[in-house]
PDB file of N, CA and C in Angstrom:
ATOM      1  N   MET A   1     -34.366 -25.751 -28.917  1.00  0.00           N
ATOM      2  CA  MET A   1     -33.870 -24.542 -29.291  1.00  0.00           C
ATOM      3  C   MET A   1     -33.889 -23.619 -28.001  1.00  0.00           C
ATOM      4  N   LYS A   2     -35.111 -23.750 -27.139  1.00  0.00           N
ATOM      5  CA  LYS A   2     -35.478 -22.596 -26.202  1.00  0.00           C
ATOM      6  C   LYS A   2     -34.466 -23.489 -24.837  1.00  0.00           C
ATOM      7  N   GLN A   3     -34.206 -24.742 -24.998  1.00  0.00           N
ATOM      8  CA  GLN A   3     -33.278 -25.194 -23.588  1.00  0.00           C
ATOM      9  C   GLN A   3     -31.670 -24.785 -24.270  1.00  0.00           C
ATOM     10  N   LEU A   4     -31.328 -24.696 -25.387  1.00  0.00           N
ATOM     11  CA  LEU A   4     -30.104 -24.513 -25.839  1.00  0.00           C
ATOM     12  C   LEU A   4     -29.924 -22.923 -25.455  1.00  0.00           C
ATOM     13  N   LYS A   5     -30.540 -22.070 -25.640  1.00  0.00           N
ATOM     14  CA  LYS A   5     -30.830 -20.474 -25.345  1.00  0.00           C
ATOM     15  C   LYS A   5     -30.810 -20.493 -24.029  1.00  0.00           C
ATOM     16  N   ALA A   6     -31.484 -20.938 -23.072  1.00  0.00           N
ATOM     17  CA  ALA A   6     -31.295 -20.929 -21.561  1.00  0.00           C
ATOM     18  C   ALA A   6     -30.091 -21.058 -20.855  1.00  0.00           C
ATOM     19  N   LYS A   7     -29.412 -22.319 -21.687  1.00  0.00           N
ATOM     20  CA  LYS A   7     -28.188 -22.735 -21.090  1.00  0.00           C
ATOM     21  C   LYS A   7     -27.040 -21.727 -21.688  1.00  0.00           C
ATOM     22  N   THR A   8     -27.175 -21.175 -22.742  1.00  0.00           N
ATOM     23  CA  THR A   8     -26.292 -20.107 -23.195  1.00  0.00           C
ATOM     24  C   THR A   8     -26.204 -18.942 -22.200  1.00  0.00           C
ATOM     25  N   ASN A   9     -27.290 -18.638 -21.946  1.00  0.00           N
ATOM     26  CA  ASN A   9     -27.631 -17.431 -20.873  1.00  0.00           C
ATOM     27  C   ASN A   9     -27.208 -17.891 -19.819  1.00  0.00           C
ATOM     28  N   TYR A  10     -27.490 -19.073 -19.262  1.00  0.00           N
ATOM     29  CA  TYR A  10     -26.711 -19.148 -17.903  1.00  0.00           C
ATOM     30  C   TYR A  10     -25.264 -19.313 -17.898  1.00  0.00           C
ATOM     31  N   LEU A  11     -24.705 -19.950 -18.958  1.00  0.00           N
ATOM     32  CA  LEU A  11     -22.971 -19.990 -18.895  1.00  0.00           C
ATOM     33  C   LEU A  11     -22.767 -18.277 -19.129  1.00  0.00           C
ATOM     34  N   SER A  12     -23.277 -17.497 -19.761  1.00  0.00           N
ATOM     35  CA  SER A  12     -22.944 -16.178 -19.918  1.00  0.00           C
ATOM     36  C   SER A  12     -23.110 -15.722 -18.571  1.00  0.00           C
ATOM     37  N   LYS A  13     -24.055 -15.661 -17.866  1.00  0.00           N
ATOM     38  CA  LYS A  13     -24.134 -15.123 -16.600  1.00  0.00           C
ATOM     39  C   LYS A  13     -23.028 -15.518 -15.378  1.00  0.00           C
ATOM     40  N   LYS A  14     -22.815 -17.069 -15.796  1.00  0.00           N
ATOM     41  CA  LYS A  14     -21.899 -17.644 -14.867  1.00  0.00           C
ATOM     42  C   LYS A  14     -20.304 -16.921 -15.100  1.00  0.00           C
ATOM     43  N   GLN A  15     -20.130 -16.817 -16.833  1.00  0.00           N
ATOM     44  CA  GLN A  15     -18.711 -16.137 -17.037  1.00  0.00           C
ATOM     45  C   GLN A  15     -18.680 -14.866 -16.436  1.00  0.00           C
ATOM     46  N   SER A  16     -19.687 -13.908 -16.636  1.00  0.00           N
ATOM     47  CA  SER A  16     -19.758 -12.749 -16.441  1.00  0.00           C
ATOM     48  C   SER A  16     -19.481 -12.597 -15.086  1.00  0.00           C
ATOM     49  N   ARG A  17     -19.919 -13.465 -13.823  1.00  0.00           N
ATOM     50  CA  ARG A  17     -19.778 -13.332 -12.643  1.00  0.00           C
ATOM     51  C   ARG A  17     -18.333 -13.702 -12.228  1.00  0.00           C
ATOM     52  N   MET A  18     -18.190 -14.762 -13.043  1.00  0.00           N
ATOM     53  CA  MET A  18     -16.746 -15.166 -12.576  1.00  0.00           C
ATOM     54  C   MET A  18     -15.564 -14.061 -12.987  1.00  0.00           C
ATOM     55  N   MET A  19     -15.795 -13.272 -14.131  1.00  0.00           N
ATOM     56  CA  MET A  19     -15.003 -12.194 -14.577  1.00  0.00           C
ATOM     57  C   MET A  19     -15.078 -10.797 -13.468  1.00  0.00           C
ATOM     58  N   SER A  20     -16.255 -10.843 -12.860  1.00  0.00           N
ATOM     59  CA  SER A  20     -16.390  -9.831 -11.739  1.00  0.00           C
ATOM     60  C   SER A  20     -15.759 -10.473 -10.648  1.00  0.00           C
ATOM     61  N   LEU A  21     -15.831 -11.406 -10.031  1.00  0.00           N
ATOM     62  CA  LEU A  21     -15.071 -11.980  -8.963  1.00  0.00           C
ATOM     63  C   LEU A  21     -13.610 -12.014  -9.118  1.00  0.00           C
ATOM     64  N   LYS A  22     -13.118 -12.253 -10.241  1.00  0.00           N
ATOM     65  CA  LYS A  22     -11.534 -12.257 -10.750  1.00  0.00           C
ATOM     66  C   LYS A  22     -11.214 -10.747 -10.654  1.00  0.00           C
ATOM     67  N   ASN A  23     -12.055  -9.905 -11.169  1.00  0.00           N
ATOM     68  CA  ASN A  23     -11.546  -8.430 -11.093  1.00  0.00           C
ATOM     69  C   ASN A  23     -11.643  -7.974  -9.430  1.00  0.00           C
ATOM     70  N   LEU A  24     -12.801  -8.118  -8.914  1.00  0.00           N
ATOM     71  CA  LEU A  24     -12.730  -8.027  -7.407  1.00  0.00           C
ATOM     72  C   LEU A  24     -11.775  -8.481  -6.758  1.00  0.00           C
ATOM     73  N   TYR A  25     -11.209  -9.614  -6.972  1.00  0.00           N
ATOM     74  CA  TYR A  25     -10.114 -10.033  -5.851  1.00  0.00           C
ATOM     75  C   TYR A  25      -8.864  -9.212  -6.795  1.00  0.00           C
ATOM     76  N   LEU A  26      -8.869  -9.129  -7.907  1.00  0.00           N
ATOM     77  CA  LEU A  26      -7.296  -8.470  -8.001  1.00  0.00           C
ATOM     78  C   LEU A  26      -7.533  -6.889  -7.577  1.00  0.00           C
ATOM     79  N   LEU A  27      -8.665  -6.238  -7.557  1.00  0.00           N
ATOM     80  CA  LEU A  27      -8.559  -4.865  -6.991  1.00  0.00           C
ATOM     81  C   LEU A  27      -8.367  -5.152  -5.385  1.00  0.00           C
ATOM     82  N   GLY A  28      -8.912  -6.041  -4.900  1.00  0.00           N
ATOM     83  CA  GLY A  28      -8.556  -6.174  -3.448  1.00  0.00           C
ATOM     84  C   GLY A  28      -7.066  -6.555  -3.389  1.00  0.00           C
ATOM     85  N   PHE A  29      -6.294  -7.478  -4.033  1.00  0.00           N
ATOM     86  CA  PHE A  29      -4.866  -7.566  -4.028  1.00  0.00           C
ATOM     87  C   PHE A  29      -4.233  -6.314  -4.163  1.00  0.00           C
ATOM     88  N   ILE A  30      -4.352  -5.470  -4.923  1.00  0.00           N
ATOM     89  CA  ILE A  30      -4.159  -4.029  -5.327  1.00  0.00           C
ATOM     90  C   ILE A  30      -4.154  -2.937  -3.825  1.00  0.00           C
ATOM     91  N   ALA A  31      -5.428  -2.978  -3.612  1.00  0.00           N
ATOM     92  CA  ALA A  31      -5.581  -2.183  -2.631  1.00  0.00           C
ATOM     93  C   ALA A  31      -4.816  -2.707  -1.076  1.00  0.00           C
ATOM     94  N   GLY A  32      -5.045  -4.217  -0.851  1.00  0.00           N
ATOM     95  CA  GLY A  32      -4.266  -4.797   0.079  1.00  0.00           C
ATOM     96  C   GLY A  32      -2.819  -4.804   0.094  1.00  0.00           C
ATOM     97  N   THR A  33      -2.213  -4.257  -0.893  1.00  0.00           N
ATOM     98  CA  THR A  33      -0.753  -4.041  -1.183  1.00  0.00           C
ATOM     99  C   THR A  33      -0.503  -2.746  -0.645  1.00  0.00           C
ATOM    100  N   VAL A  34      -1.080  -2.058  -1.549  1.00  0.00           N
ATOM    101  CA  VAL A  34      -0.931  -0.660  -1.588  1.00  0.00           C
ATOM    102  C   VAL A  34      -1.068   0.164  -0.119  1.00  0.00           C
ATOM    103  N   LEU A  35      -2.099  -0.020   0.561  1.00  0.00           N
ATOM    104  CA  LEU A  35      -2.433   0.649   1.748  1.00  0.00           C
ATOM    105  C   LEU A  35      -1.737   0.385   2.793  1.00  0.00           C
ATOM    106  N   PRO A  36      -1.481  -1.020   3.242  1.00  0.00           N
ATOM    107  CA  PRO A  36      -0.435  -1.272   4.054  1.00  0.00           C
ATOM    108  C   PRO A  36       1.091  -0.892   3.903  1.00  0.00           C
ATOM    109  N   LEU A  37       1.466  -0.866   2.645  1.00  0.00           N
ATOM    110  CA  LEU A  37       2.511  -0.667   2.387  1.00  0.00           C
ATOM    111  C   LEU A  37       3.135   0.965   2.595  1.00  0.00           C
ATOM    112  N   SER A  38       1.879   1.939   2.118  1.00  0.00           N
ATOM    113  CA  SER A  38       1.836   3.611   2.435  1.00  0.00           C
ATOM    114  C   SER A  38       2.115   3.615   3.782  1.00  0.00           C
ATOM    115  N   GLN A  39       1.946   2.928   4.663  1.00  0.00           N
ATOM    116  CA  GLN A  39       2.251   3.203   5.947  1.00  0.00           C
ATOM    117  C   GLN A  39       3.396   2.391   6.553  1.00  0.00           C
ATOM    118  N   PHE A  40       4.000   1.205   5.856  1.00  0.00           N
ATOM    119  CA  PHE A  40       5.240   0.470   6.425  1.00  0.00           C
ATOM    120  C   PHE A  40       6.359   1.189   5.876  1.00  0.00           C
ATOM    121  N   ILE A  41       6.575   1.654   4.527  1.00  0.00           N
ATOM    122  CA  ILE A  41       7.436   2.017   3.658  1.00  0.00           C
ATOM    123  C   ILE A  41       7.966   3.581   4.416  1.00  0.00           C
ATOM    124  N   PRO A  42       7.242   4.413   4.579  1.00  0.00           N
ATOM    125  CA  PRO A  42       7.788   5.643   5.652  1.00  0.00           C
ATOM    126  C   PRO A  42       8.131   5.310   6.707  1.00  0.00           C
ATOM    127  N   PHE A  43       7.902   4.095   7.301  1.00  0.00           N
ATOM    128  CA  PHE A  43       8.694   3.626   8.835  1.00  0.00           C
ATOM    129  C   PHE A  43      10.214   3.147   8.318  1.00  0.00           C
ATOM    130  N   LEU A  44      10.100   2.231   7.278  1.00  0.00           N
ATOM    131  CA  LEU A  44      11.584   1.662   6.877  1.00  0.00           C
ATOM    132  C   LEU A  44      12.202   3.219   6.379  1.00  0.00           C
ATOM    133  N   LEU A  45      11.801   4.033   5.682  1.00  0.00           N
ATOM    134  CA  LEU A  45      12.624   4.876   5.293  1.00  0.00           C
ATOM    135  C   LEU A  45      13.064   5.895   6.323  1.00  0.00           C
ATOM    136  N   GLU A  46      12.421   5.941   7.650  1.00  0.00           N
ATOM    137  CA  GLU A  46      12.702   6.779   8.873  1.00  0.00           C
ATOM    138  C   GLU A  46      13.516   5.972   9.486  1.00  0.00           C
ATOM    139  N   HIS A  47      13.429   4.629   9.610  1.00  0.00           N
ATOM    140  CA  HIS A  47      14.147   3.700  10.725  1.00  0.00           C
ATOM    141  C   HIS A  47      14.942   2.894  10.440  1.00  0.00           C
ATOM    142  N   GLY A  48      14.593   2.352   9.039  1.00  0.00           N
ATOM    143  CA  GLY A  48      15.443   1.190   8.314  1.00  0.00           C
ATOM    144  C   GLY A  48      14.865   0.017   9.127  1.00  0.00           C
ATOM    145  N   PHE A  49      15.454  -1.099   8.919  1.00  0.00           N
ATOM    146  CA  PHE A  49      15.152  -2.108   9.459  1.00  0.00           C
ATOM    147  C   PHE A  49      15.311  -2.450  11.030  1.00  0.00           C
ATOM    148  N   ASN A  50      14.701  -1.491  11.843  1.00  0.00           N
ATOM    149  CA  ASN A  50      14.857  -1.562  13.124  1.00  0.00           C
ATOM    150  C   ASN A  50      13.552  -2.335  13.821  1.00  0.00           C
ATOM    151  N   PHE A  51      13.704  -3.872  13.963  1.00  0.00           N
ATOM    152  CA  PHE A  51      12.766  -4.543  14.141  1.00  0.00           C
ATOM    153  C   PHE A  51      12.501  -4.543  15.898  1.00  0.00           C
ATOM    154  N   PRO A  52      13.496  -4.012  16.683  1.00  0.00           N
ATOM    155  CA  PRO A  52      12.877  -3.782  18.124  1.00  0.00           C
ATOM    156  C   PRO A  52      12.140  -2.544  18.185  1.00  0.00           C
ATOM    157  N   LEU A  53      12.395  -1.502  17.373  1.00  0.00           N
ATOM    158  CA  LEU A  53      11.442  -0.355  17.258  1.00  0.00           C
ATOM    159  C   LEU A  53       9.969  -0.712  16.543  1.00  0.00           C
ATOM    160  N   PHE A  54      10.006  -1.449  15.375  1.00  0.00           N
ATOM    161  CA  PHE A  54       8.635  -1.719  15.079  1.00  0.00           C
ATOM    162  C   PHE A  54       8.003  -2.863  15.933  1.00  0.00           C
ATOM    163  N   PHE A  55       8.612  -3.746  16.514  1.00  0.00           N
ATOM    164  CA  PHE A  55       7.522  -4.477  17.424  1.00  0.00           C
ATOM    165  C   PHE A  55       7.287  -3.784  18.770  1.00  0.00           C
ATOM    166  N   GLU A  56       7.922  -2.866  19.182  1.00  0.00           N
ATOM    167  CA  GLU A  56       7.736  -1.711  20.177  1.00  0.00           C
ATOM    168  C   GLU A  56       6.607  -0.980  19.760  1.00  0.00           C
ATOM    169  N   GLN A  57       6.624  -0.497  18.654  1.00  0.00           N
ATOM    170  CA  GLN A  57       5.366   0.051  18.296  1.00  0.00           C
ATOM    171  C   GLN A  57       4.288  -0.305  17.867  1.00  0.00           C
ATOM    172  N   LEU A  58       4.227  -1.498  17.601  1.00  0.00           N
ATOM    173  CA  LEU A  58       3.134  -2.379  17.239  1.00  0.00           C
ATOM    174  C   LEU A  58       2.339  -2.887  18.571  1.00  0.00           C
ATOM    175  N   TRP A  59       3.119  -3.138  19.445  1.00  0.00           N
ATOM    176  CA  TRP A  59       2.409  -3.557  20.940  1.00  0.00           C
ATOM    177  C   TRP A  59       2.182  -2.586  21.866  1.00  0.00           C
ATOM    178  N   ILE A  60       2.644  -1.406  21.249  1.00  0.00           N
ATOM    179  CA  ILE A  60       2.549   0.033  22.351  1.00  0.00           C
ATOM    180  C   ILE A  60       1.078   0.178  23.119  1.00  0.00           C
ATOM    181  N   ASN A  61       0.018  -0.439  22.595  1.00  0.00           N
ATOM    182  CA  ASN A  61      -1.043  -0.279  23.304  1.00  0.00           C
ATOM    183  C   ASN A  61      -2.121  -1.337  23.118  1.00  0.00           C
ATOM    184  N   ARG A  62      -3.170  -1.344  23.611  1.00  0.00           N
ATOM    185  CA  ARG A  62      -4.211  -2.506  23.735  1.00  0.00           C
ATOM    186  C   ARG A  62      -4.548  -2.773  22.028  1.00  0.00           C
ATOM    187  N   ILE A  63      -5.106  -1.499  21.719  1.00  0.00           N
ATOM    188  CA  ILE A  63      -5.724  -1.665  20.483  1.00  0.00           C
ATOM    189  C   ILE A  63      -4.755  -1.575  19.254  1.00  0.00           C
ATOM    190  N   SER A  64      -3.512  -1.327  19.292  1.00  0.00           N
ATOM    191  CA  SER A  64      -2.419  -1.693  18.402  1.00  0.00           C
ATOM    192  C   SER A  64      -2.084  -3.155  18.765  1.00  0.00           C
ATOM    193  N   SER A  65      -2.018  -3.749  19.728  1.00  0.00           N
ATOM    194  CA  SER A  65      -1.629  -5.279  19.987  1.00  0.00           C
ATOM    195  C   SER A  65      -2.881  -6.185  19.788  1.00  0.00           C
ATOM    196  N   PHE A  66      -4.263  -5.673  19.827  1.00  0.00           N
ATOM    197  CA  PHE A  66      -5.464  -5.997  19.029  1.00  0.00           C
ATOM    198  C   PHE A  66      -5.030  -6.424  17.486  1.00  0.00           C
ATOM    199  N   PHE A  67      -4.932  -5.151  16.881  1.00  0.00           N
ATOM    200  CA  PHE A  67      -4.422  -5.428  15.247  1.00  0.00           C
ATOM    201  C   PHE A  67      -3.251  -6.290  15.146  1.00  0.00           C
ATOM    202  N   GLY A  68      -2.296  -5.871  15.958  1.00  0.00           N
ATOM    203  CA  GLY A  68      -1.169  -7.078  15.705  1.00  0.00           C
ATOM    204  C   GLY A  68      -1.425  -8.559  15.380  1.00  0.00           C
ATOM    205  N   TRP A  69      -1.875  -8.760  16.914  1.00  0.00           N
ATOM    206  CA  TRP A  69      -2.478 -10.403  16.914  1.00  0.00           C
ATOM    207  C   TRP A  69      -3.217 -10.828  15.936  1.00  0.00           C
ATOM    208  N   ASP A  70      -4.351  -9.971  15.438  1.00  0.00           N
ATOM    209  CA  ASP A  70      -5.317 -10.305  14.112  1.00  0.00           C
ATOM    210  C   ASP A  70      -4.792 -10.575  12.884  1.00  0.00           C
ATOM    211  N   VAL A  71      -3.628  -9.423  12.637  1.00  0.00           N
ATOM    212  CA  VAL A  71      -2.802  -9.953  11.515  1.00  0.00           C
ATOM    213  C   VAL A  71      -1.719 -11.344  11.570  1.00  0.00           C
ATOM    214  N   PHE A  72      -1.323 -11.306  12.794  1.00  0.00           N
ATOM    215  CA  PHE A  72      -0.588 -12.570  12.727  1.00  0.00           C
ATOM    216  C   PHE A  72      -1.313 -13.839  12.621  1.00  0.00           C
ATOM    217  N   VAL A  73      -2.503 -13.942  13.711  1.00  0.00           N
ATOM    218  CA  VAL A  73      -3.270 -15.187  13.363  1.00  0.00           C
ATOM    219  C   VAL A  73      -3.937 -15.455  12.096  1.00  0.00           C
ATOM    220  N   SER A  74      -4.215 -14.215  11.393  1.00  0.00           N
ATOM    221  CA  SER A  74      -4.964 -14.263  10.047  1.00  0.00           C
ATOM    222  C   SER A  74      -4.159 -14.853   9.137  1.00  0.00           C
ATOM    223  N   VAL A  75      -2.699 -14.304   9.170  1.00  0.00           N
ATOM    224  CA  VAL A  75      -1.827 -14.913   8.132  1.00  0.00           C
ATOM    225  C   VAL A  75      -1.372 -16.276   8.258  1.00  0.00           C
ATOM    226  N   ALA A  76      -1.322 -16.800   9.723  1.00  0.00           N
ATOM    227  CA  ALA A  76      -1.343 -18.182   9.930  1.00  0.00           C
ATOM    228  C   ALA A  76      -2.293 -18.839   9.226  1.00  0.00           C
ATOM    229  N   VAL A  77      -3.476 -18.670   9.440  1.00  0.00           N
ATOM    230  CA  VAL A  77      -4.886 -19.038   8.884  1.00  0.00           C
ATOM    231  C   VAL A  77      -4.517 -19.116   7.314  1.00  0.00           C
ATOM    232  N   ILE A  78      -4.574 -18.114   6.735  1.00  0.00           N
ATOM    233  CA  ILE A  78      -4.407 -18.008   5.096  1.00  0.00           C
ATOM    234  C   ILE A  78      -3.251 -18.811   4.701  1.00  0.00           C
ATOM    235  N   LEU A  79      -2.153 -18.878   5.478  1.00  0.00           N
ATOM    236  CA  LEU A  79      -0.955 -19.679   5.210  1.00  0.00           C
ATOM    237  C   LEU A  79      -1.510 -21.331   4.799  1.00  0.00           C
ATOM    238  N   VAL A  80      -1.934 -21.495   5.936  1.00  0.00           N
ATOM    239  CA  VAL A  80      -2.311 -22.949   5.904  1.00  0.00           C
ATOM    240  C   VAL A  80      -3.865 -23.268   4.958  1.00  0.00           C
ATOM    241  N   PHE A  81      -4.484 -22.131   4.837  1.00  0.00           N
ATOM    242  CA  PHE A  81      -5.673 -22.153   3.629  1.00  0.00           C
ATOM    243  C   PHE A  81      -5.003 -22.413   2.099  1.00  0.00           C
ATOM    244  N   ILE A  82      -3.872 -21.521   1.985  1.00  0.00           N
ATOM    245  CA  ILE A  82      -3.171 -21.310   0.553  1.00  0.00           C
ATOM    246  C   ILE A  82      -2.471 -22.762   0.360  1.00  0.00           C
ATOM    247  N   THR A  83      -1.791 -23.309   1.609  1.00  0.00           N
ATOM    248  CA  THR A  83      -1.370 -24.387   1.430  1.00  0.00           C
ATOM    249  C   THR A  83      -2.118 -25.748   1.134  1.00  0.00           C
ATOM    250  N   ALA A  84      -3.343 -25.677   1.562  1.00  0.00           N
ATOM    251  CA  ALA A  84      -4.241 -26.812   1.466  1.00  0.00           C
ATOM    252  C   ALA A  84      -4.872 -26.833   0.376  1.00  0.00           C
ATOM    253  N   GLU A  85      -5.460 -25.478  -0.243  1.00  0.00           N
ATOM    254  CA  GLU A  85      -6.366 -25.218  -1.347  1.00  0.00           C
ATOM    255  C   GLU A  85      -5.472 -25.206  -2.536  1.00  0.00           C
ATOM    256  N   GLY A  86      -4.198 -24.678  -2.202  1.00  0.00           N
ATOM    257  CA  GLY A  86      -3.090 -24.743  -3.702  1.00  0.00           C
ATOM    258  C   GLY A  86      -2.675 -26.136  -3.946  1.00  0.00           C
ATOM    259  N   HIS A  87      -2.502 -27.012  -2.834  1.00  0.00           N
ATOM    260  CA  HIS A  87      -2.236 -28.206  -3.116  1.00  0.00           C
ATOM    261  C   HIS A  87      -3.704 -28.751  -4.269  1.00  0.00           C
ATOM    262  N   ARG A  88      -4.416 -28.780  -3.390  1.00  0.00           N
ATOM    263  CA  ARG A  88      -5.663 -29.562  -3.729  1.00  0.00           C
ATOM    264  C   ARG A  88      -5.925 -29.184  -5.292  1.00  0.00           C
ATOM    265  N   LEU A  89      -5.696 -27.897  -5.615  1.00  0.00           N
ATOM    266  CA  LEU A  89      -5.982 -27.446  -7.143  1.00  0.00           C
ATOM    267  C   LEU A  89      -4.808 -27.480  -7.859  1.00  0.00           C
ATOM    268  N   SER A  90      -3.631 -27.993  -7.342  1.00  0.00           N
ATOM    269  CA  SER A  90      -2.780 -28.072  -8.096  1.00  0.00           C
ATOM    270  C   SER A  90      -2.017 -27.003  -8.407  1.00  0.00           C
ATOM    271  N   GLN A  91      -2.064 -25.890  -7.779  1.00  0.00           N
ATOM    272  CA  GLN A  91      -1.992 -24.429  -8.263  1.00  0.00           C
ATOM    273  C   GLN A  91      -0.120 -24.353  -7.720  1.00  0.00           C
ATOM    274  N   THR A  92       0.360 -23.821  -8.893  1.00  0.00           N
ATOM    275  CA  THR A  92       2.017 -23.663  -8.940  1.00  0.00           C
ATOM    276  C   THR A  92       2.357 -22.364  -8.569  1.00  0.00           C
ATOM    277  N   GLU A  93       1.474 -21.489  -8.627  1.00  0.00           N
ATOM    278  CA  GLU A  93       1.917 -20.054  -8.208  1.00  0.00           C
ATOM    279  C   GLU A  93       1.765 -19.774  -6.935  1.00  0.00           C
ATOM    280  N   ARG A  94       1.277 -20.582  -5.890  1.00  0.00           N
ATOM    281  CA  ARG A  94       0.988 -20.136  -4.636  1.00  0.00           C
ATOM    282  C   ARG A  94       2.421 -19.810  -3.713  1.00  0.00           C
ATOM    283  N   TRP A  95       3.120 -19.806  -4.318  1.00  0.00           N
ATOM    284  CA  TRP A  95       4.608 -19.321  -3.674  1.00  0.00           C
ATOM    285  C   TRP A  95       4.348 -17.761  -3.707  1.00  0.00           C
ATOM    286  N   LEU A  96       3.841 -17.315  -4.648  1.00  0.00           N
ATOM    287  CA  LEU A  96       3.720 -15.696  -4.526  1.00  0.00           C
ATOM    288  C   LEU A  96       2.784 -15.215  -3.610  1.00  0.00           C
ATOM    289  N   CYS A  97       1.665 -16.214  -3.346  1.00  0.00           N
ATOM    290  CA  CYS A  97       0.605 -15.736  -2.251  1.00  0.00           C
ATOM    291  C   CYS A  97       1.502 -15.921  -0.827  1.00  0.00           C
ATOM    292  N   TYR A  98       2.274 -16.699  -0.782  1.00  0.00           N
ATOM    293  CA  TYR A  98       3.259 -17.175   0.408  1.00  0.00           C
ATOM    294  C   TYR A  98       4.153 -15.836   0.773  1.00  0.00           C
ATOM    295  N   ILE A  99       4.509 -15.332  -0.342  1.00  0.00           N
ATOM    296  CA  ILE A  99       5.308 -13.845   0.012  1.00  0.00           C
ATOM    297  C   ILE A  99       4.696 -12.643   0.039  1.00  0.00           C
ATOM    298  N   ALA A 100       3.567 -12.562  -0.773  1.00  0.00           N
ATOM    299  CA  ALA A 100       2.851 -11.752  -0.261  1.00  0.00           C
ATOM    300  C   ALA A 100       1.882 -11.607   1.010  1.00  0.00           C
ATOM    301  N   SER A 101       1.747 -12.358   1.407  1.00  0.00           N
ATOM    302  CA  SER A 101       1.185 -12.847   2.838  1.00  0.00           C
ATOM    303  C   SER A 101       2.028 -12.533   3.895  1.00  0.00           C
ATOM    304  N   VAL A 102       3.426 -12.922   3.884  1.00  0.00           N
ATOM    305  CA  VAL A 102       4.539 -12.736   4.817  1.00  0.00           C
ATOM    306  C   VAL A 102       5.092 -11.470   4.648  1.00  0.00           C
ATOM    307  N   VAL A 103       5.042 -10.849   3.447  1.00  0.00           N
ATOM    308  CA  VAL A 103       5.722  -9.703   3.383  1.00  0.00           C
ATOM    309  C   VAL A 103       4.822  -8.404   3.661  1.00  0.00           C
ATOM    310  N   VAL A 104       3.788  -8.442   2.860  1.00  0.00           N
ATOM    311  CA  VAL A 104       2.504  -7.468   3.109  1.00  0.00           C
ATOM    312  C   VAL A 104       1.468  -7.985   4.115  1.00  0.00           C
ATOM    313  N   GLY A 105       1.069  -9.185   4.216  1.00  0.00           N
ATOM    314  CA  GLY A 105       0.069  -9.403   5.009  1.00  0.00           C
ATOM    315  C   GLY A 105      -1.129  -9.920   4.380  1.00  0.00           C
ATOM    316  N   GLY A 106      -1.922 -10.513   5.341  1.00  0.00           N
ATOM    317  CA  GLY A 106      -3.078 -11.285   4.692  1.00  0.00           C
ATOM    318  C   GLY A 106      -4.021 -10.543   3.874  1.00  0.00           C
ATOM    319  N   SER A 107      -3.890  -9.253   3.921  1.00  0.00           N
ATOM    320  CA  SER A 107      -4.635  -8.382   3.253  1.00  0.00           C
ATOM    321  C   SER A 107      -4.219  -8.241   1.676  1.00  0.00           C
ATOM    322  N   ALA A 108      -3.046  -8.838   1.388  1.00  0.00           N
ATOM    323  CA  ALA A 108      -2.746  -9.033   0.119  1.00  0.00           C
ATOM    324  C   ALA A 108      -2.177 -10.627  -0.371  1.00  0.00           C
ATOM    325  N   GLY A 109      -2.196 -11.399   0.385  1.00  0.00           N
ATOM    326  CA  GLY A 109      -1.836 -12.676   0.178  1.00  0.00           C
ATOM    327  C   GLY A 109      -3.203 -13.426  -0.232  1.00  0.00           C
ATOM    328  N   LEU A 110      -4.262 -13.484   0.709  1.00  0.00           N
ATOM    329  CA  LEU A 110      -5.335 -13.955   0.571  1.00  0.00           C
ATOM    330  C   LEU A 110      -6.420 -13.717  -0.982  1.00  0.00           C
ATOM    331  N   PRO A 111      -6.397 -12.235  -1.191  1.00  0.00           N
ATOM    332  CA  PRO A 111      -6.805 -11.729  -2.669  1.00  0.00           C
ATOM    333  C   PRO A 111      -5.959 -12.350  -3.586  1.00  0.00           C
ATOM    334  N   LEU A 112      -4.908 -12.268  -3.493  1.00  0.00           N
ATOM    335  CA  LEU A 112      -3.837 -12.582  -4.623  1.00  0.00           C
ATOM    336  C   LEU A 112      -4.127 -14.234  -4.969  1.00  0.00           C
ATOM    337  N   PHE A 113      -4.138 -15.062  -3.930  1.00  0.00           N
ATOM    338  CA  PHE A 113      -4.751 -16.447  -3.967  1.00  0.00           C
ATOM    339  C   PHE A 113      -5.896 -16.514  -4.813  1.00  0.00           C
ATOM    340  N   LEU A 114      -6.840 -15.973  -4.288  1.00  0.00           N
ATOM    341  CA  LEU A 114      -8.338 -16.040  -4.670  1.00  0.00           C
ATOM    342  C   LEU A 114      -8.351 -15.637  -6.134  1.00  0.00           C
ATOM    343  N   TYR A 115      -7.482 -14.460  -6.587  1.00  0.00           N
ATOM    344  CA  TYR A 115      -7.686 -14.152  -8.237  1.00  0.00           C
ATOM    345  C   TYR A 115      -6.828 -15.065  -8.812  1.00  0.00           C
ATOM    346  N   LEU A 116      -5.793 -15.862  -8.368  1.00  0.00           N
ATOM    347  CA  LEU A 116      -5.049 -16.736  -9.483  1.00  0.00           C
ATOM    348  C   LEU A 116      -5.919 -18.109  -9.117  1.00  0.00           C
ATOM    349  N   ARG A 117      -6.846 -18.395  -8.316  1.00  0.00           N
ATOM    350  CA  ARG A 117      -7.753 -19.269  -8.097  1.00  0.00           C
ATOM    351  C   ARG A 117      -8.587 -19.264  -9.454  1.00  0.00           C
ATOM    352  N   GLU A 118      -9.407 -17.978  -9.543  1.00  0.00           N
ATOM    353  CA  GLU A 118     -10.454 -17.785 -10.525  1.00  0.00           C
ATOM    354  C   GLU A 118      -9.537 -17.760 -12.035  1.00  0.00           C
ATOM    355  N   ARG A 119      -8.582 -17.086 -11.839  1.00  0.00           N
ATOM    356  CA  ARG A 119      -7.942 -16.736 -13.228  1.00  0.00           C
ATOM    357  C   ARG A 119      -7.391 -18.385 -14.097  1.00  0.00           C
ATOM    358  N   ALA A 120      -7.536 -19.180 -13.100  1.00  0.00           N
ATOM    359  CA  ALA A 120      -7.248 -20.648 -13.520  1.00  0.00           C
ATOM    360  C   ALA A 120      -8.284 -21.369 -13.984  1.00  0.00           C
ATOM    361  N   LYS A 121      -9.646 -20.664 -13.453  1.00  0.00           N
ATOM    362  CA  LYS A 121     -10.530 -21.506 -14.037  1.00  0.00           C
ATOM    363  C   LYS A 121     -11.009 -21.369 -15.488  1.00  0.00           C
TER     364      LYS A 121
END
């Protein structure tokens, strides 16, 4: 009886932790989508799809170049991770993560992938 109660308590804590992680990943996805787009959408409204201007402003100084390169490298690594881990888990919704990563960035794609992975458990 004591072992059964301990096992039930362990499972309850594990389920609670998973629920917390799932919610944390979902919150990360929402923040990782809303915050970057809150800066990009006004640019689009003002300049349209002016890619030369976008890249000119992205690489305008060393600090912005630092962040630009960080995002490009991070997204490349995240896409590899989503592909490998998604294939290993037979995750069919990973295409959503590709879109989020490329359109918004790694701040949206990775938390979305982690959320979908936790939801599937």
